[in-house]
PDB file of N, CA and C in Angstrom:
ATOM      1  N   MET A   1      10.614  12.689  12.569  1.00  0.00           N
ATOM      2  CA  MET A   1       9.355  13.312  12.227  1.00  0.00           C
ATOM      3  C   MET A   1       8.234  12.414  12.753  1.00  0.00           C
ATOM      4  N   SER A   2       7.288  13.010  13.405  1.00  0.00           N
ATOM      5  CA  SER A   2       6.163  12.235  13.929  1.00  0.00           C
ATOM      6  C   SER A   2       5.143  11.966  12.828  1.00  0.00           C
ATOM      7  N   THR A   3       4.266  11.023  13.084  1.00  0.00           N
ATOM      8  CA  THR A   3       3.218  10.722  12.101  1.00  0.00           C
ATOM      9  C   THR A   3       2.293  11.919  11.922  1.00  0.00           C
ATOM     10  N   ARG A   4       2.076  12.647  12.985  1.00  0.00           N
ATOM     11  CA  ARG A   4       1.213  13.833  12.909  1.00  0.00           C
ATOM     12  C   ARG A   4       1.846  14.931  12.050  1.00  0.00           C
ATOM     13  N   GLN A   5       3.163  15.130  12.211  1.00  0.00           N
ATOM     14  CA  GLN A   5       3.866  16.119  11.395  1.00  0.00           C
ATOM     15  C   GLN A   5       3.797  15.725   9.917  1.00  0.00           C
ATOM     16  N   TYR A   6       3.996  14.444   9.645  1.00  0.00           N
ATOM     17  CA  TYR A   6       3.926  13.945   8.274  1.00  0.00           C
ATOM     18  C   TYR A   6       2.527  14.173   7.704  1.00  0.00           C
ATOM     19  N   ALA A   7       1.508  13.897   8.503  1.00  0.00           N
ATOM     20  CA  ALA A   7       0.124  14.087   8.060  1.00  0.00           C
ATOM     21  C   ALA A   7      -0.146  15.553   7.723  1.00  0.00           C
ATOM     22  N   ARG A   8       0.400  16.466   8.514  1.00  0.00           N
ATOM     23  CA  ARG A   8       0.217  17.899   8.235  1.00  0.00           C
ATOM     24  C   ARG A   8       0.888  18.306   6.928  1.00  0.00           C
ATOM     25  N   ILE A   9       2.068  17.782   6.679  1.00  0.00           N
ATOM     26  CA  ILE A   9       2.767  18.087   5.430  1.00  0.00           C
ATOM     27  C   ILE A   9       1.955  17.590   4.239  1.00  0.00           C
ATOM     28  N   VAL A  10       1.472  16.373   4.323  1.00  0.00           N
ATOM     29  CA  VAL A  10       0.663  15.815   3.235  1.00  0.00           C
ATOM     30  C   VAL A  10      -0.600  16.640   3.046  1.00  0.00           C
ATOM     31  N   ASP A  11      -1.248  17.016   4.137  1.00  0.00           N
ATOM     32  CA  ASP A  11      -2.469  17.816   4.059  1.00  0.00           C
ATOM     33  C   ASP A  11      -2.207  19.156   3.356  1.00  0.00           C
ATOM     34  N   ARG A  12      -1.119  19.814   3.727  1.00  0.00           N
ATOM     35  CA  ARG A  12      -0.784  21.094   3.079  1.00  0.00           C
ATOM     36  C   ARG A  12      -0.499  20.903   1.594  1.00  0.00           C
ATOM     37  N   TRP A  13       0.215  19.849   1.254  1.00  0.00           N
ATOM     38  CA  TRP A  13       0.536  19.576  -0.146  1.00  0.00           C
ATOM     39  C   TRP A  13      -0.733  19.307  -0.952  1.00  0.00           C
ATOM     40  N   VAL A  14      -1.619  18.491  -0.401  1.00  0.00           N
ATOM     41  CA  VAL A  14      -2.881  18.169  -1.081  1.00  0.00           C
ATOM     42  C   VAL A  14      -3.700  19.434  -1.306  1.00  0.00           C
ATOM     43  N   ARG A  15      -3.796  20.258  -0.295  1.00  0.00           N
ATOM     44  CA  ARG A  15      -4.547  21.515  -0.434  1.00  0.00           C
ATOM     45  C   ARG A  15      -3.893  22.458  -1.451  1.00  0.00           C
ATOM     46  N   SER A  16      -2.560  22.463  -1.492  1.00  0.00           N
ATOM     47  CA  SER A  16      -1.848  23.383  -2.398  1.00  0.00           C
ATOM     48  C   SER A  16      -2.078  23.050  -3.864  1.00  0.00           C
ATOM     49  N   ILE A  17      -2.442  21.816  -4.156  1.00  0.00           N
ATOM     50  CA  ILE A  17      -2.720  21.444  -5.551  1.00  0.00           C
ATOM     51  C   ILE A  17      -4.224  21.241  -5.780  1.00  0.00           C
ATOM     52  N   ASP A  18      -5.003  21.841  -4.876  1.00  0.00           N
ATOM     53  CA  ASP A  18      -6.467  21.897  -5.000  1.00  0.00           C
ATOM     54  C   ASP A  18      -7.148  20.522  -5.052  1.00  0.00           C
ATOM     55  N   LEU A  19      -6.649  19.590  -4.263  1.00  0.00           N
ATOM     56  CA  LEU A  19      -7.334  18.305  -4.110  1.00  0.00           C
ATOM     57  C   LEU A  19      -8.087  18.312  -2.796  1.00  0.00           C
ATOM     58  N   ASP A  20      -9.036  17.417  -2.669  1.00  0.00           N
ATOM     59  CA  ASP A  20      -9.839  17.311  -1.456  1.00  0.00           C
ATOM     60  C   ASP A  20      -9.054  16.539  -0.396  1.00  0.00           C
ATOM     61  N   PRO A  21      -8.684  17.178   0.710  1.00  0.00           N
ATOM     62  CA  PRO A  21      -7.903  16.499   1.749  1.00  0.00           C
ATOM     63  C   PRO A  21      -8.639  15.318   2.387  1.00  0.00           C
ATOM     64  N   ALA A  22      -9.949  15.278   2.236  1.00  0.00           N
ATOM     65  CA  ALA A  22     -10.702  14.135   2.768  1.00  0.00           C
ATOM     66  C   ALA A  22     -10.469  12.882   1.923  1.00  0.00           C
ATOM     67  N   GLU A  23     -10.027  13.073   0.692  1.00  0.00           N
ATOM     68  CA  GLU A  23      -9.803  11.939  -0.205  1.00  0.00           C
ATOM     69  C   GLU A  23      -8.347  11.525  -0.312  1.00  0.00           C
ATOM     70  N   TYR A  24      -7.430  12.365   0.161  1.00  0.00           N
ATOM     71  CA  TYR A  24      -6.006  12.079   0.049  1.00  0.00           C
ATOM     72  C   TYR A  24      -5.333  12.313   1.388  1.00  0.00           C
ATOM     73  N   GLY A  25      -4.597  11.311   1.840  1.00  0.00           N
ATOM     74  CA  GLY A  25      -3.892  11.439   3.105  1.00  0.00           C
ATOM     75  C   GLY A  25      -2.727  10.470   3.150  1.00  0.00           C
ATOM     76  N   THR A  26      -2.153  10.338   4.325  1.00  0.00           N
ATOM     77  CA  THR A  26      -0.976   9.473   4.469  1.00  0.00           C
ATOM     78  C   THR A  26      -1.306   8.018   4.160  1.00  0.00           C
ATOM     79  N   HIS A  27      -2.464   7.560   4.572  1.00  0.00           N
ATOM     80  CA  HIS A  27      -2.830   6.169   4.301  1.00  0.00           C
ATOM     81  C   HIS A  27      -3.066   5.945   2.815  1.00  0.00           C
ATOM     82  N   THR A  28      -3.643   6.923   2.146  1.00  0.00           N
ATOM     83  CA  THR A  28      -3.858   6.824   0.704  1.00  0.00           C
ATOM     84  C   THR A  28      -2.524   6.659  -0.016  1.00  0.00           C
ATOM     85  N   LEU A  29      -1.530   7.452   0.395  1.00  0.00           N
ATOM     86  CA  LEU A  29      -0.206   7.357  -0.224  1.00  0.00           C
ATOM     87  C   LEU A  29       0.422   5.993   0.030  1.00  0.00           C
ATOM     88  N   ARG A  30       0.289   5.493   1.255  1.00  0.00           N
ATOM     89  CA  ARG A  30       0.840   4.181   1.607  1.00  0.00           C
ATOM     90  C   ARG A  30       0.204   3.091   0.749  1.00  0.00           C
ATOM     91  N   ARG A  31      -1.101   3.143   0.645  1.00  0.00           N
ATOM     92  CA  ARG A  31      -1.813   2.110  -0.115  1.00  0.00           C
ATOM     93  C   ARG A  31      -1.492   2.195  -1.611  1.00  0.00           C
ATOM     94  N   THR A  32      -1.407   3.405  -2.137  1.00  0.00           N
ATOM     95  CA  THR A  32      -1.082   3.591  -3.546  1.00  0.00           C
ATOM     96  C   THR A  32       0.307   3.038  -3.857  1.00  0.00           C
ATOM     97  N   LYS A  33       1.281   3.337  -3.011  1.00  0.00           N
ATOM     98  CA  LYS A  33       2.652   2.837  -3.221  1.00  0.00           C
ATOM     99  C   LYS A  33       2.663   1.314  -3.226  1.00  0.00           C
ATOM    100  N   ALA A  34       2.004   0.697  -2.268  1.00  0.00           N
ATOM    101  CA  ALA A  34       1.955  -0.762  -2.191  1.00  0.00           C
ATOM    102  C   ALA A  34       1.281  -1.355  -3.421  1.00  0.00           C
ATOM    103  N   THR A  35       0.209  -0.740  -3.865  1.00  0.00           N
ATOM    104  CA  THR A  35      -0.518  -1.222  -5.040  1.00  0.00           C
ATOM    105  C   THR A  35       0.332  -1.110  -6.299  1.00  0.00           C
ATOM    106  N   LEU A  36       1.039  -0.011  -6.454  1.00  0.00           N
ATOM    107  CA  LEU A  36       1.903   0.161  -7.623  1.00  0.00           C
ATOM    108  C   LEU A  36       3.040  -0.855  -7.639  1.00  0.00           C
ATOM    109  N   ILE A  37       3.632  -1.097  -6.489  1.00  0.00           N
ATOM    110  CA  ILE A  37       4.698  -2.097  -6.411  1.00  0.00           C
ATOM    111  C   ILE A  37       4.155  -3.465  -6.775  1.00  0.00           C
ATOM    112  N   TYR A  38       2.997  -3.804  -6.255  1.00  0.00           N
ATOM    113  CA  TYR A  38       2.409  -5.105  -6.567  1.00  0.00           C
ATOM    114  C   TYR A  38       2.087  -5.223  -8.061  1.00  0.00           C
ATOM    115  N   LYS A  39       1.474  -4.186  -8.633  1.00  0.00           N
ATOM    116  CA  LYS A  39       1.106  -4.234 -10.052  1.00  0.00           C
ATOM    117  C   LYS A  39       2.322  -4.386 -10.956  1.00  0.00           C
ATOM    118  N   ARG A  40       3.415  -3.737 -10.592  1.00  0.00           N
ATOM    119  CA  ARG A  40       4.618  -3.792 -11.435  1.00  0.00           C
ATOM    120  C   ARG A  40       5.401  -5.080 -11.257  1.00  0.00           C
ATOM    121  N   THR A  41       5.410  -5.637 -10.046  1.00  0.00           N
ATOM    122  CA  THR A  41       6.273  -6.787  -9.774  1.00  0.00           C
ATOM    123  C   THR A  41       5.527  -8.091  -9.542  1.00  0.00           C
ATOM    124  N   LYS A  42       4.263  -8.001  -9.156  1.00  0.00           N
ATOM    125  CA  LYS A  42       3.478  -9.175  -8.731  1.00  0.00           C
ATOM    126  C   LYS A  42       4.149  -9.899  -7.562  1.00  0.00           C
ATOM    127  N   ASN A  43       4.965  -9.181  -6.815  1.00  0.00           N
ATOM    128  CA  ASN A  43       5.711  -9.757  -5.708  1.00  0.00           C
ATOM    129  C   ASN A  43       4.997  -9.458  -4.389  1.00  0.00           C
ATOM    130  N   LEU A  44       4.134 -10.368  -4.014  1.00  0.00           N
ATOM    131  CA  LEU A  44       3.362 -10.189  -2.775  1.00  0.00           C
ATOM    132  C   LEU A  44       4.252 -10.153  -1.542  1.00  0.00           C
ATOM    133  N   ARG A  45       5.277 -10.974  -1.550  1.00  0.00           N
ATOM    134  CA  ARG A  45       6.167 -11.045  -0.387  1.00  0.00           C
ATOM    135  C   ARG A  45       6.868  -9.701  -0.163  1.00  0.00           C
ATOM    136  N   ALA A  46       7.316  -9.074  -1.239  1.00  0.00           N
ATOM    137  CA  ALA A  46       7.971  -7.768  -1.100  1.00  0.00           C
ATOM    138  C   ALA A  46       7.003  -6.741  -0.531  1.00  0.00           C
ATOM    139  N   VAL A  47       5.786  -6.742  -1.032  1.00  0.00           N
ATOM    140  CA  VAL A  47       4.775  -5.798  -0.532  1.00  0.00           C
ATOM    141  C   VAL A  47       4.458  -6.103   0.936  1.00  0.00           C
ATOM    142  N   GLN A  48       4.357  -7.380   1.257  1.00  0.00           N
ATOM    143  CA  GLN A  48       4.104  -7.779   2.639  1.00  0.00           C
ATOM    144  C   GLN A  48       5.189  -7.227   3.566  1.00  0.00           C
ATOM    145  N   LEU A  49       6.443  -7.371   3.172  1.00  0.00           N
ATOM    146  CA  LEU A  49       7.549  -6.872   3.990  1.00  0.00           C
ATOM    147  C   LEU A  49       7.523  -5.351   4.099  1.00  0.00           C
ATOM    148  N   LEU A  50       7.261  -4.665   2.991  1.00  0.00           N
ATOM    149  CA  LEU A  50       7.221  -3.208   3.015  1.00  0.00           C
ATOM    150  C   LEU A  50       6.121  -2.673   3.926  1.00  0.00           C
ATOM    151  N   LEU A  51       4.988  -3.374   3.937  1.00  0.00           N
ATOM    152  CA  LEU A  51       3.866  -2.921   4.767  1.00  0.00           C
ATOM    153  C   LEU A  51       3.996  -3.363   6.220  1.00  0.00           C
ATOM    154  N   GLY A  52       4.892  -4.307   6.469  1.00  0.00           N
ATOM    155  CA  GLY A  52       5.064  -4.795   7.838  1.00  0.00           C
ATOM    156  C   GLY A  52       3.989  -5.773   8.273  1.00  0.00           C
ATOM    157  N   HIS A  53       3.344  -6.415   7.320  1.00  0.00           N
ATOM    158  CA  HIS A  53       2.318  -7.399   7.640  1.00  0.00           C
ATOM    159  C   HIS A  53       2.968  -8.730   8.014  1.00  0.00           C
ATOM    160  N   THR A  54       2.428  -9.386   9.024  1.00  0.00           N
ATOM    161  CA  THR A  54       2.954 -10.701   9.397  1.00  0.00           C
ATOM    162  C   THR A  54       2.284 -11.810   8.608  1.00  0.00           C
ATOM    163  N   LYS A  55       1.071 -11.575   8.162  1.00  0.00           N
ATOM    164  CA  LYS A  55       0.338 -12.593   7.403  1.00  0.00           C
ATOM    165  C   LYS A  55       0.148 -12.151   5.966  1.00  0.00           C
ATOM    166  N   LEU A  56       0.406 -13.073   5.044  1.00  0.00           N
ATOM    167  CA  LEU A  56       0.216 -12.789   3.626  1.00  0.00           C
ATOM    168  C   LEU A  56      -1.251 -12.461   3.338  1.00  0.00           C
ATOM    169  N   GLU A  57      -2.155 -13.091   4.059  1.00  0.00           N
ATOM    170  CA  GLU A  57      -3.588 -12.844   3.869  1.00  0.00           C
ATOM    171  C   GLU A  57      -3.938 -11.387   4.143  1.00  0.00           C
ATOM    172  N   SER A  58      -3.259 -10.783   5.097  1.00  0.00           N
ATOM    173  CA  SER A  58      -3.506  -9.361   5.396  1.00  0.00           C
ATOM    174  C   SER A  58      -3.109  -8.488   4.218  1.00  0.00           C
ATOM    175  N   THR A  59      -1.995  -8.819   3.594  1.00  0.00           N
ATOM    176  CA  THR A  59      -1.523  -8.061   2.435  1.00  0.00           C
ATOM    177  C   THR A  59      -2.482  -8.221   1.268  1.00  0.00           C
ATOM    178  N   VAL A  60      -2.945  -9.440   1.055  1.00  0.00           N
ATOM    179  CA  VAL A  60      -3.897  -9.716  -0.031  1.00  0.00           C
ATOM    180  C   VAL A  60      -5.168  -8.899   0.172  1.00  0.00           C
ATOM    181  N   ARG A  61      -5.680  -8.902   1.372  1.00  0.00           N
ATOM    182  CA  ARG A  61      -6.898  -8.156   1.684  1.00  0.00           C
ATOM    183  C   ARG A  61      -6.649  -6.648   1.526  1.00  0.00           C
ATOM    184  N   TYR A  62      -5.498  -6.178   1.974  1.00  0.00           N
ATOM    185  CA  TYR A  62      -5.138  -4.763   1.894  1.00  0.00           C
ATOM    186  C   TYR A  62      -5.087  -4.295   0.448  1.00  0.00           C
ATOM    187  N   LEU A  63      -4.539  -5.123  -0.420  1.00  0.00           N
ATOM    188  CA  LEU A  63      -4.427  -4.766  -1.836  1.00  0.00           C
ATOM    189  C   LEU A  63      -5.730  -4.940  -2.589  1.00  0.00           C
ATOM    190  N   GLY A  64      -6.661  -5.703  -2.015  1.00  0.00           N
ATOM    191  CA  GLY A  64      -7.948  -5.919  -2.670  1.00  0.00           C
ATOM    192  C   GLY A  64      -7.862  -6.864  -3.848  1.00  0.00           C
ATOM    193  N   ILE A  65      -6.958  -7.819  -3.772  1.00  0.00           N
ATOM    194  CA  ILE A  65      -6.841  -8.796  -4.852  1.00  0.00           C
ATOM    195  C   ILE A  65      -7.517 -10.092  -4.441  1.00  0.00           C
ATOM    196  N   GLU A  66      -7.814 -10.925  -5.402  1.00  0.00           N
ATOM    197  CA  GLU A  66      -8.479 -12.194  -5.129  1.00  0.00           C
ATOM    198  C   GLU A  66      -7.518 -13.143  -4.433  1.00  0.00           C
ATOM    199  N   VAL A  67      -7.997 -13.807  -3.416  1.00  0.00           N
ATOM    200  CA  VAL A  67      -7.162 -14.711  -2.634  1.00  0.00           C
ATOM    201  C   VAL A  67      -6.600 -15.823  -3.504  1.00  0.00           C
ATOM    202  N   ASP A  68      -7.403 -16.425  -4.361  1.00  0.00           N
ATOM    203  CA  ASP A  68      -6.926 -17.512  -5.223  1.00  0.00           C
ATOM    204  C   ASP A  68      -5.806 -17.033  -6.143  1.00  0.00           C
ATOM    205  N   ASP A  69      -5.964 -15.840  -6.705  1.00  0.00           N
ATOM    206  CA  ASP A  69      -4.920 -15.282  -7.569  1.00  0.00           C
ATOM    207  C   ASP A  69      -3.636 -15.044  -6.779  1.00  0.00           C
ATOM    208  N   ALA A  70      -3.781 -14.499  -5.589  1.00  0.00           N
ATOM    209  CA  ALA A  70      -2.621 -14.205  -4.757  1.00  0.00           C
ATOM    210  C   ALA A  70      -1.883 -15.485  -4.367  1.00  0.00           C
ATOM    211  N   LEU A  71      -2.627 -16.499  -4.005  1.00  0.00           N
ATOM    212  CA  LEU A  71      -1.996 -17.756  -3.614  1.00  0.00           C
ATOM    213  C   LEU A  71      -1.297 -18.407  -4.783  1.00  0.00           C
ATOM    214  N   ALA A  72      -1.877 -18.340  -5.960  1.00  0.00           N
ATOM    215  CA  ALA A  72      -1.247 -18.897  -7.164  1.00  0.00           C
ATOM    216  C   ALA A  72       0.065 -18.175  -7.447  1.00  0.00           C
ATOM    217  N   ILE A  73       0.062 -16.867  -7.325  1.00  0.00           N
ATOM    218  CA  ILE A  73       1.276 -16.089  -7.553  1.00  0.00           C
ATOM    219  C   ILE A  73       2.320 -16.416  -6.482  1.00  0.00           C
ATOM    220  N   ALA A  74       1.890 -16.497  -5.233  1.00  0.00           N
ATOM    221  CA  ALA A  74       2.808 -16.783  -4.140  1.00  0.00           C
ATOM    222  C   ALA A  74       3.452 -18.156  -4.288  1.00  0.00           C
ATOM    223  N   GLU A  75       2.714 -19.126  -4.781  1.00  0.00           N
ATOM    224  CA  GLU A  75       3.261 -20.459  -4.954  1.00  0.00           C
ATOM    225  C   GLU A  75       4.327 -20.492  -6.035  1.00  0.00           C
ATOM    226  N   GLN A  76       4.263 -19.596  -6.998  1.00  0.00           N
ATOM    227  CA  GLN A  76       5.228 -19.542  -8.087  1.00  0.00           C
ATOM    228  C   GLN A  76       6.530 -18.854  -7.681  1.00  0.00           C
ATOM    229  N   MET A  77       6.524 -18.176  -6.556  1.00  0.00           N
ATOM    230  CA  MET A  77       7.678 -17.378  -6.155  1.00  0.00           C
ATOM    231  C   MET A  77       8.542 -18.117  -5.155  1.00  0.00           C
ATOM    232  N   GLU A  78       9.834 -17.883  -5.270  1.00  0.00           N
ATOM    233  CA  GLU A  78      10.765 -18.405  -4.295  1.00  0.00           C
ATOM    234  C   GLU A  78      10.892 -17.391  -3.169  1.00  0.00           C
ATOM    235  N   VAL A  79      10.853 -17.868  -1.946  1.00  0.00           N
ATOM    236  CA  VAL A  79      10.984 -16.976  -0.803  1.00  0.00           C
ATOM    237  C   VAL A  79      12.181 -17.397   0.007  1.00  0.00           C
TER     238      VAL A  79
END
């Protein structure tokens, strides 16, 4: 399935439940999933791997969390 096909499916689903397609899309779903995983596990490394980020800083910025908090959590984890 191409990214465009996936985007069309998401768009149809969003419209079918009367949501604004401008506010919900494939990127929104990706970001929401990553945020939920982080909130439940506090495992930045797992989220980093799932998102395909090479730098932990990119994941921290993507999630919108404080860098100091993220680094403190990362230091506590075994990788």
